[in-house]
Amino acid sequence: MKYKKKQSRYQWSFLQRLLCLSVMILSAGCVSPMALNRAVIAYDEAVTDSISQQLLVNIVRAHYRQPVHFTGVSNIAATFTFSANAGAMPALGGLAGTTLMPIFGGSLAESPTISIVPIEGEEFTQRLLTPFPQSKLTLLLRQHFDVDMLLRMMAQEVRLMNPEQQSVYRNNPSDKASYEMFRRVVLHFSAIQDHNQLYAEPLLLNHIWKIPSSSIVPDSFQSLQKEFTVHYHAEDDTFTLRKQIPGPILITNYDPDRLSEEEREALNEHARDWDVSDIAFDIRAGHYGGEWPMSGVFRLRSFHSILGFLGKSLGYEKGYHVEKDARTPPILHNENPDQTMEFMASNSLPSGVDFSIRWNDRYYAVNTVGSHARWNRDAFQLLFLLFQMTVTDLPRIGVPSITIAK
């Protein structure tokens, strides 16, 4: 009988140790993914906040005519060390000689290494000084961004092409006549977009070649059919090769696919001298918004110029109210704020804003508490996206960098 009691006690002790070990393993397994999830979210928030504050501080630098500079996080390597331990001790009450209480312990150590690379040299030129190509603006238009917000931020001028002459209107509040005409043109585009009648598509051009059949080698005929539409003409023993090539991107108030070949070629002739940073438009009568027909190009800014433009709005070159043209259809409410992005500047920490930065004992923030809070948030989100659209592959090795090891 004593032997059986002793054996039962040994079995209970073994079960206790097994239970402790199981709990220890399960605890480590639970802590690991939870810690990883928290770390990923925390690093993501830290990088996003860093970029947002860099954007705002560089707008302030541009206002004070200070050098604009960015740094990028090229790599984050975080190492996690999990450890767990378990033990047992006699119970504090009851049969202390026969009852054991398990003790569990654990620790989590995090050791991140963050590499920060300054944006300078050729990368600075490509990312910040090169004007945006037309494809970037049309990509954002297809994501249903407001065309008026896009053009007010990205375009430095509009060139209206009349049969007699070409007129240039700058997006600069200090040039009153030019600025107000630019704003009216942009508002006209906004009204067309509000009615879902604004198109931004590449102009498809048909290129045609006619060649004698004797000039085509039989072995190459199959490869020609992969790239061209081929038609044979028995009457003169020739082949007609036809290929559709995307031309320049065109903003219109009509479906450009319905244009005739002659109209496409005429628009293409106008586009031959346009730069890749110019985006053409053609607003025609007979379609929505056609009460004010116009054609021309918008010339796009670089990201550095966008920061400079926004920085000037902190001083004496703020935007102001401009009423739409009488020929422009109605526009939606709150889609014509005075400024492209409104800022707040104060000697004390502003309240109610999303975030702020401090520069020379003054606080600056995007105004997200006024009547145009939604517009200003969307404008800053657009600025963030534009900065991301300039990103090239950041170097990871072999370049000067700041490495922060915790």
Protein backbone atom coordinates (compact mmCIF):
# COMPACT_ATOMS: atom_id res chain seq x y z
CA MET A 1 0.00 0.00 0.00
CA LYS A 2 2.86 2.43 0.78
CA TYR A 3 4.51 1.55 -2.52
CA LYS A 4 1.36 2.42 -4.44
CA LYS A 5 1.06 5.78 -2.68
CA LYS A 6 4.68 6.56 -3.49
CA GLN A 7 4.19 5.54 -7.10
CA SER A 8 1.09 7.73 -7.36
CA ARG A 9 3.07 10.66 -5.94
CA TYR A 10 5.80 10.16 -8.56
CA GLN A 11 3.20 10.01 -11.32
CA TRP A 12 1.64 13.29 -10.11
CA SER A 13 5.06 14.96 -10.03
CA PHE A 14 5.74 13.79 -13.56
CA LEU A 15 2.40 15.15 -14.77
CA GLN A 16 3.13 18.49 -13.13
CA ARG A 17 6.47 18.77 -14.93
CA LEU A 18 4.86 17.79 -18.21
CA LEU A 19 2.15 20.40 -17.71
CA CYS A 20 4.72 23.07 -16.93
CA LEU A 21 6.70 22.22 -20.05
CA SER A 22 3.57 22.30 -22.22
CA VAL A 23 2.48 25.67 -20.89
CA MET A 24 5.99 27.04 -21.38
CA ILE A 25 6.10 25.94 -25.02
CA LEU A 26 2.60 27.25 -25.74
CA SER A 27 3.44 30.57 -24.09
CA ALA A 28 6.54 31.03 -26.24
CA GLY A 29 4.55 30.10 -29.33
CA CYS A 30 1.89 32.69 -28.54
CA VAL A 31 4.31 35.48 -27.67
CA SER A 32 6.35 35.10 -30.87
CA PRO A 33 3.71 35.97 -33.51
CA MET A 34 2.12 38.59 -31.24
CA ALA A 35 5.45 40.35 -30.82
CA LEU A 36 6.12 40.13 -34.57
CA ASN A 37 2.74 41.66 -35.40
CA ARG A 38 3.27 44.52 -32.97
CA ALA A 39 6.77 45.15 -34.32
CA VAL A 40 5.68 45.23 -37.97
CA ILE A 41 2.88 47.71 -37.21
CA ALA A 42 5.15 49.83 -35.02
CA TYR A 43 7.91 50.05 -37.64
CA ASP A 44 5.37 50.79 -40.36
CA GLU A 45 3.89 53.65 -38.33
CA ALA A 46 7.34 54.98 -37.49
CA VAL A 47 8.45 55.06 -41.16
CA THR A 48 5.15 56.62 -42.30
CA ASP A 49 5.32 59.31 -39.60
CA SER A 50 8.93 60.00 -40.49
CA ILE A 51 8.10 60.58 -44.17
CA SER A 52 5.09 62.74 -43.29
CA GLN A 53 7.13 64.94 -40.99
CA GLN A 54 9.94 65.19 -43.56
CA LEU A 55 7.43 66.38 -46.16
CA LEU A 56 6.07 69.05 -43.85
CA VAL A 57 9.46 70.22 -42.61
CA ASN A 58 10.72 70.52 -46.20
CA ILE A 59 7.72 72.68 -47.10
CA VAL A 60 8.72 74.94 -44.21
CA ARG A 61 12.35 74.86 -45.38
CA ALA A 62 11.24 75.89 -48.86
CA HIS A 63 9.27 78.77 -47.34
CA TYR A 64 12.41 80.03 -45.58
CA ARG A 65 14.51 79.35 -48.72
CA GLN A 66 16.52 76.68 -46.93
CA PRO A 67 17.90 73.58 -48.69
CA VAL A 68 15.42 70.75 -49.16
CA HIS A 69 16.71 67.36 -48.04
CA PHE A 70 15.28 63.89 -47.49
CA THR A 71 16.55 60.65 -46.00
CA GLY A 72 15.10 57.23 -46.70
CA VAL A 73 14.95 54.04 -44.68
CA SER A 74 16.66 51.47 -46.86
CA ASN A 75 16.52 48.49 -44.54
CA ILE A 76 15.08 47.36 -41.20
CA ALA A 77 16.44 44.18 -39.62
CA ALA A 78 14.86 43.26 -36.32
CA THR A 79 16.02 40.25 -34.29
CA PHE A 80 13.75 38.81 -31.61
CA THR A 81 15.00 36.54 -28.83
CA PHE A 82 12.41 34.59 -26.87
CA SER A 83 13.24 32.72 -23.67
CA ALA A 84 11.05 30.90 -21.18
CA ASN A 85 11.65 29.07 -17.92
CA ALA A 86 9.59 27.02 -15.50
CA GLY A 87 9.97 25.59 -12.03
CA ALA A 88 8.07 24.51 -8.97
CA MET A 89 7.92 25.40 -5.29
CA PRO A 90 6.01 24.06 -2.26
CA ALA A 91 2.56 25.50 -1.81
CA LEU A 92 2.22 28.29 0.72
CA GLY A 93 -0.57 26.49 2.60
CA GLY A 94 -2.15 23.07 2.92
CA LEU A 95 -0.03 19.96 2.68
CA ALA A 96 3.20 21.73 1.89
CA GLY A 97 5.12 18.50 1.79
CA THR A 98 3.04 16.94 -0.94
CA THR A 99 1.80 19.85 -3.09
CA LEU A 100 3.98 21.72 -5.59
CA MET A 101 3.11 25.02 -7.26
CA PRO A 102 4.46 25.65 -10.80
CA ILE A 103 6.43 28.86 -11.51
CA PHE A 104 6.63 30.23 -15.06
CA GLY A 105 8.85 32.97 -16.42
CA GLY A 106 9.78 34.39 -19.79
CA SER A 107 11.46 37.27 -21.53
CA LEU A 108 11.46 38.91 -24.96
CA ALA A 109 14.44 40.84 -26.33
CA GLU A 110 14.29 42.96 -29.51
CA SER A 111 17.40 44.16 -31.36
CA PRO A 112 16.53 46.22 -34.45
CA THR A 113 19.04 47.65 -36.92
CA ILE A 114 17.70 50.50 -39.09
CA SER A 115 19.70 51.79 -42.07
CA ILE A 116 19.01 55.40 -43.14
CA VAL A 117 20.33 56.61 -46.49
CA PRO A 118 20.38 60.31 -47.49
CA ILE A 119 18.82 61.16 -50.86
CA GLU A 120 21.54 63.04 -52.71
CA GLY A 121 23.55 63.17 -55.91
CA GLU A 122 22.02 61.65 -59.03
CA GLU A 123 19.18 60.15 -57.03
CA PHE A 124 18.25 63.64 -55.76
CA THR A 125 18.17 64.88 -59.36
CA GLN A 126 15.99 62.04 -60.60
CA ARG A 127 13.55 62.06 -57.69
CA LEU A 128 13.19 65.73 -56.84
CA LEU A 129 14.32 67.86 -59.79
CA THR A 130 12.92 65.89 -62.75
CA PRO A 131 9.39 67.00 -63.78
CA PHE A 132 6.67 64.39 -63.42
CA PRO A 133 5.83 62.54 -66.63
CA GLN A 134 2.29 62.62 -67.95
CA SER A 135 1.80 58.94 -67.09
CA LYS A 136 1.99 59.71 -63.33
CA LEU A 137 -0.87 62.19 -63.50
CA THR A 138 -3.09 59.92 -65.59
CA LEU A 139 -2.39 57.03 -63.21
CA LEU A 140 -3.77 59.13 -60.34
CA LEU A 141 -6.72 60.27 -62.45
CA ARG A 142 -7.65 56.64 -62.97
CA GLN A 143 -7.61 56.22 -59.18
CA HIS A 144 -10.39 58.86 -59.09
CA PHE A 145 -8.34 61.68 -57.59
CA ASP A 146 -9.86 65.12 -58.12
CA VAL A 147 -8.47 66.57 -61.32
CA ASP A 148 -8.57 70.08 -59.87
CA MET A 149 -6.46 69.02 -56.88
CA LEU A 150 -4.01 67.16 -59.12
CA LEU A 151 -3.52 70.04 -61.53
CA ARG A 152 -3.36 72.75 -58.86
CA MET A 153 -0.53 70.83 -57.19
CA MET A 154 1.28 69.24 -60.14
CA ALA A 155 0.92 71.74 -63.01
CA GLN A 156 3.06 74.86 -63.19
CA GLU A 157 1.21 76.37 -66.17
CA VAL A 158 -1.41 75.83 -68.84
CA ARG A 159 -0.85 76.64 -72.51
CA LEU A 160 -4.03 77.36 -74.45
CA MET A 161 -3.55 76.88 -78.17
CA ASN A 162 -5.78 79.10 -80.25
CA PRO A 163 -5.69 79.12 -84.06
CA GLU A 164 -3.98 82.51 -84.00
CA GLN A 165 -1.63 82.22 -81.02
CA GLN A 166 -0.57 80.31 -77.92
CA SER A 167 -1.30 81.82 -74.51
CA VAL A 168 0.54 80.79 -71.32
CA TYR A 169 -1.08 81.08 -67.88
CA ARG A 170 1.06 80.30 -64.82
CA ASN A 171 -0.15 78.65 -61.64
CA ASN A 172 1.31 81.40 -59.47
CA PRO A 173 -0.84 83.57 -57.15
CA SER A 174 1.58 86.49 -57.53
CA ASP A 175 0.64 86.69 -61.24
CA LYS A 176 -3.02 87.57 -60.78
CA ALA A 177 -4.27 87.41 -64.38
CA SER A 178 -2.46 84.18 -65.19
CA TYR A 179 -3.38 82.52 -61.91
CA GLU A 180 -7.07 83.26 -62.22
CA MET A 181 -7.24 81.93 -65.79
CA PHE A 182 -5.37 78.78 -64.72
CA ARG A 183 -7.84 78.24 -61.87
CA ARG A 184 -10.84 78.72 -64.19
CA VAL A 185 -9.49 76.16 -66.65
CA VAL A 186 -8.92 73.67 -63.84
CA LEU A 187 -12.42 74.28 -62.44
CA HIS A 188 -13.84 73.58 -65.91
CA PHE A 189 -12.09 70.20 -65.92
CA SER A 190 -13.40 69.54 -62.42
CA ALA A 191 -17.00 70.14 -63.50
CA ILE A 192 -16.59 67.69 -66.40
CA GLN A 193 -15.07 65.08 -64.07
CA ASP A 194 -17.93 65.54 -61.57
CA HIS A 195 -20.29 64.49 -64.37
CA ASN A 196 -18.10 61.41 -65.18
CA GLN A 197 -17.36 62.74 -68.67
CA LEU A 198 -13.61 63.29 -68.38
CA TYR A 199 -11.35 60.89 -70.30
CA ALA A 200 -7.59 60.47 -69.89
CA GLU A 201 -6.39 57.90 -72.41
CA PRO A 202 -3.45 57.45 -74.78
CA LEU A 203 -4.21 58.47 -78.34
CA LEU A 204 -4.12 55.27 -80.40
CA LEU A 205 -2.44 55.80 -83.77
CA ASN A 206 -2.60 53.47 -86.78
CA HIS A 207 0.67 53.22 -88.67
CA ILE A 208 0.38 51.78 -92.19
CA TRP A 209 3.13 50.58 -94.52
CA LYS A 210 2.69 49.28 -98.08
CA ILE A 211 5.52 47.13 -99.44
CA PRO A 212 5.96 44.85 -102.46
CA SER A 213 5.63 41.13 -101.78
CA SER A 214 9.07 40.48 -103.25
CA SER A 215 10.69 42.35 -100.34
CA ILE A 216 9.30 39.92 -97.75
CA VAL A 217 11.31 36.79 -97.09
CA PRO A 218 9.01 33.75 -96.59
CA ASP A 219 10.75 32.82 -93.33
CA SER A 220 9.97 36.24 -91.82
CA PHE A 221 6.30 36.29 -92.82
CA GLN A 222 5.20 34.48 -89.65
CA SER A 223 7.03 36.93 -87.38
CA LEU A 224 5.45 39.86 -89.24
CA GLN A 225 2.00 38.52 -88.51
CA LYS A 226 2.76 38.61 -84.76
CA GLU A 227 3.46 42.35 -84.80
CA PHE A 228 1.35 43.64 -87.70
CA THR A 229 -2.01 43.12 -89.33
CA VAL A 230 -1.06 41.92 -92.83
CA HIS A 231 -3.26 42.22 -95.95
CA TYR A 232 -2.25 41.03 -99.42
CA HIS A 233 -3.36 42.87 -102.57
CA ALA A 234 -3.31 40.63 -105.62
CA GLU A 235 -3.93 43.46 -108.11
CA ASP A 236 -0.51 45.04 -107.50
CA ASP A 237 1.21 42.15 -105.64
CA THR A 238 1.80 44.16 -102.46
CA PHE A 239 1.29 43.75 -98.72
CA THR A 240 -0.21 46.34 -96.39
CA LEU A 241 1.18 46.25 -92.85
CA ARG A 242 -0.92 47.93 -90.17
CA LYS A 243 0.07 48.43 -86.52
CA GLN A 244 -1.69 50.32 -83.72
CA ILE A 245 0.72 52.32 -81.55
CA PRO A 246 -0.23 54.26 -78.41
CA GLY A 247 0.50 57.94 -78.82
CA PRO A 248 0.51 60.80 -76.30
CA ILE A 249 -2.00 60.81 -73.43
CA LEU A 250 -4.92 63.10 -74.08
CA ILE A 251 -7.52 64.52 -71.64
CA THR A 252 -10.87 64.98 -73.37
CA ASN A 253 -14.59 65.41 -72.75
CA TYR A 254 -15.37 62.70 -75.33
CA ASP A 255 -14.34 59.12 -76.01
CA PRO A 256 -11.09 59.37 -78.05
CA ASP A 257 -11.71 55.91 -79.56
CA ARG A 258 -14.47 57.46 -81.67
CA LEU A 259 -12.11 59.80 -83.50
CA SER A 260 -11.52 59.28 -87.19
CA GLU A 261 -8.07 58.45 -88.56
CA GLU A 262 -7.72 62.01 -89.88
CA GLU A 263 -8.55 63.50 -86.50
CA ARG A 264 -6.07 61.20 -84.74
CA GLU A 265 -3.31 62.15 -87.13
CA ALA A 266 -4.08 65.85 -86.74
CA LEU A 267 -3.85 65.58 -82.93
CA ASN A 268 -0.67 63.54 -83.26
CA GLU A 269 0.91 66.24 -85.40
CA HIS A 270 0.20 68.76 -82.65
CA ALA A 271 1.72 66.42 -80.07
CA ARG A 272 5.04 65.88 -81.83
CA ASP A 273 6.66 68.89 -80.16
CA TRP A 274 5.28 68.20 -76.69
CA ASP A 275 7.54 67.12 -73.89
CA VAL A 276 6.96 63.95 -71.86
CA SER A 277 6.07 66.22 -68.93
CA ASP A 278 3.33 67.95 -70.93
CA ILE A 279 -0.17 66.50 -70.88
CA ALA A 280 -2.47 67.54 -73.70
CA PHE A 281 -6.18 68.19 -73.54
CA ASP A 282 -8.92 68.73 -76.10
CA ILE A 283 -12.34 69.93 -74.92
CA ARG A 284 -14.78 69.97 -77.83
CA ALA A 285 -18.16 71.51 -78.43
CA GLY A 286 -21.09 69.13 -78.64
CA HIS A 287 -20.07 67.22 -75.51
CA TYR A 288 -20.47 67.89 -71.78
CA GLY A 289 -18.53 71.04 -70.93
CA GLY A 290 -18.30 71.96 -74.60
CA GLU A 291 -19.74 75.44 -73.95
CA TRP A 292 -16.10 76.45 -73.41
CA PRO A 293 -14.11 74.54 -76.05
CA MET A 294 -10.36 74.63 -75.58
CA SER A 295 -7.19 72.73 -76.43
CA GLY A 296 -3.64 72.93 -75.17
CA VAL A 297 -1.24 71.38 -72.68
CA PHE A 298 -0.52 71.42 -68.97
CA ARG A 299 3.19 71.57 -68.12
CA LEU A 300 3.95 69.51 -65.00
CA ARG A 301 6.23 70.42 -62.12
CA SER A 302 9.02 68.50 -60.41
CA PHE A 303 8.54 67.40 -56.81
CA HIS A 304 11.02 70.08 -55.70
CA SER A 305 8.88 72.70 -57.44
CA ILE A 306 5.76 71.37 -55.71
CA LEU A 307 7.43 71.81 -52.31
CA GLY A 308 8.47 75.33 -53.29
CA PHE A 309 4.95 76.17 -54.46
CA LEU A 310 3.44 74.93 -51.19
CA GLY A 311 6.13 76.69 -49.16
CA LYS A 312 5.26 80.02 -50.74
CA SER A 313 1.68 79.63 -49.52
CA LEU A 314 3.05 80.04 -45.97
CA GLY A 315 4.02 83.59 -46.92
CA TYR A 316 2.57 86.26 -49.17
CA GLU A 317 1.78 84.04 -52.15
CA LYS A 318 -1.27 82.32 -50.75
CA GLY A 319 -4.03 81.14 -53.02
CA TYR A 320 -7.27 83.08 -53.01
CA HIS A 321 -10.83 82.56 -54.16
CA VAL A 322 -11.41 82.38 -57.90
CA GLU A 323 -14.93 82.00 -59.26
CA LYS A 324 -15.57 79.56 -62.09
CA ASP A 325 -16.12 80.79 -65.65
CA ALA A 326 -19.71 81.51 -66.64
CA ARG A 327 -19.48 78.79 -69.30
CA THR A 328 -18.45 76.13 -66.75
CA PRO A 329 -21.15 73.73 -65.52
CA PRO A 330 -21.89 73.59 -61.76
CA ILE A 331 -19.16 72.10 -59.55
CA LEU A 332 -19.57 70.13 -56.35
CA HIS A 333 -19.61 71.89 -52.99
CA ASN A 334 -16.25 72.38 -51.23
CA GLU A 335 -14.25 71.58 -54.37
CA ASN A 336 -12.92 75.09 -54.83
CA PRO A 337 -10.94 76.01 -51.69
CA ASP A 338 -8.80 79.12 -51.78
CA GLN A 339 -5.54 77.26 -51.23
CA THR A 340 -4.15 74.05 -52.68
CA MET A 341 -3.17 73.00 -49.15
CA GLU A 342 -3.81 75.16 -46.10
CA PHE A 343 -1.28 75.28 -43.27
CA MET A 344 -1.29 76.50 -39.68
CA ALA A 345 1.63 78.31 -38.04
CA SER A 346 1.69 79.27 -34.37
CA ASN A 347 4.00 79.83 -31.42
CA SER A 348 2.30 77.10 -29.40
CA LEU A 349 1.49 73.47 -30.13
CA PRO A 350 -1.69 73.43 -32.26
CA SER A 351 -4.58 71.28 -31.06
CA GLY A 352 -6.85 69.07 -33.13
CA VAL A 353 -4.43 68.60 -36.03
CA ASP A 354 -3.19 65.20 -37.24
CA PHE A 355 0.46 66.04 -36.57
CA SER A 356 2.80 69.02 -36.43
CA ILE A 357 6.50 69.86 -36.64
CA ARG A 358 8.60 72.45 -34.84
CA TRP A 359 10.92 74.78 -36.72
CA ASN A 360 12.76 77.74 -35.17
CA ASP A 361 10.48 77.82 -32.11
CA ARG A 362 7.30 77.81 -34.23
CA TYR A 363 4.87 74.99 -34.88
CA TYR A 364 3.55 74.11 -38.33
CA ALA A 365 0.75 71.75 -39.31
CA VAL A 366 -1.66 71.00 -42.13
CA ASN A 367 -4.99 72.59 -41.25
CA THR A 368 -7.25 69.61 -40.55
CA VAL A 369 -9.73 71.37 -38.26
CA GLY A 370 -11.32 73.93 -40.57
CA SER A 371 -14.09 73.75 -43.15
CA HIS A 372 -11.69 72.30 -45.73
CA ALA A 373 -10.21 69.64 -43.44
CA ARG A 374 -11.12 66.82 -45.85
CA TRP A 375 -9.60 68.63 -48.83
CA ASN A 376 -6.38 69.35 -46.91
CA ARG A 377 -6.06 65.73 -45.76
CA ASP A 378 -6.58 64.51 -49.33
CA ALA A 379 -4.04 67.05 -50.60
CA PHE A 380 -1.42 65.88 -48.11
CA GLN A 381 -2.16 62.25 -48.99
CA LEU A 382 -1.62 63.19 -52.65
CA LEU A 383 1.70 64.82 -51.75
CA PHE A 384 2.71 61.63 -49.90
CA LEU A 385 1.81 59.51 -52.94
CA LEU A 386 3.69 61.81 -55.30
CA PHE A 387 6.79 61.46 -53.13
CA GLN A 388 6.40 57.67 -53.20
CA MET A 389 6.01 57.78 -56.99
CA THR A 390 9.46 59.33 -57.28
CA VAL A 391 11.08 56.48 -55.33
CA THR A 392 13.97 54.64 -56.92
CA ASP A 393 15.72 51.63 -55.45
CA LEU A 394 17.55 52.84 -52.36
CA PRO A 395 21.11 51.52 -52.09
CA ARG A 396 21.58 49.01 -49.31
CA ILE A 397 25.31 48.41 -49.32
CA GLY A 398 28.41 50.29 -50.33
CA VAL A 399 27.02 53.78 -49.61
CA PRO A 400 27.35 56.15 -46.66
CA SER A 401 24.44 55.57 -44.32
CA ILE A 402 23.35 56.05 -40.74
CA THR A 403 22.79 52.79 -38.90
CA ILE A 404 20.89 52.88 -35.63
CA ALA A 405 21.28 49.78 -33.47
CA LYS A 406 19.09 49.57 -30.39
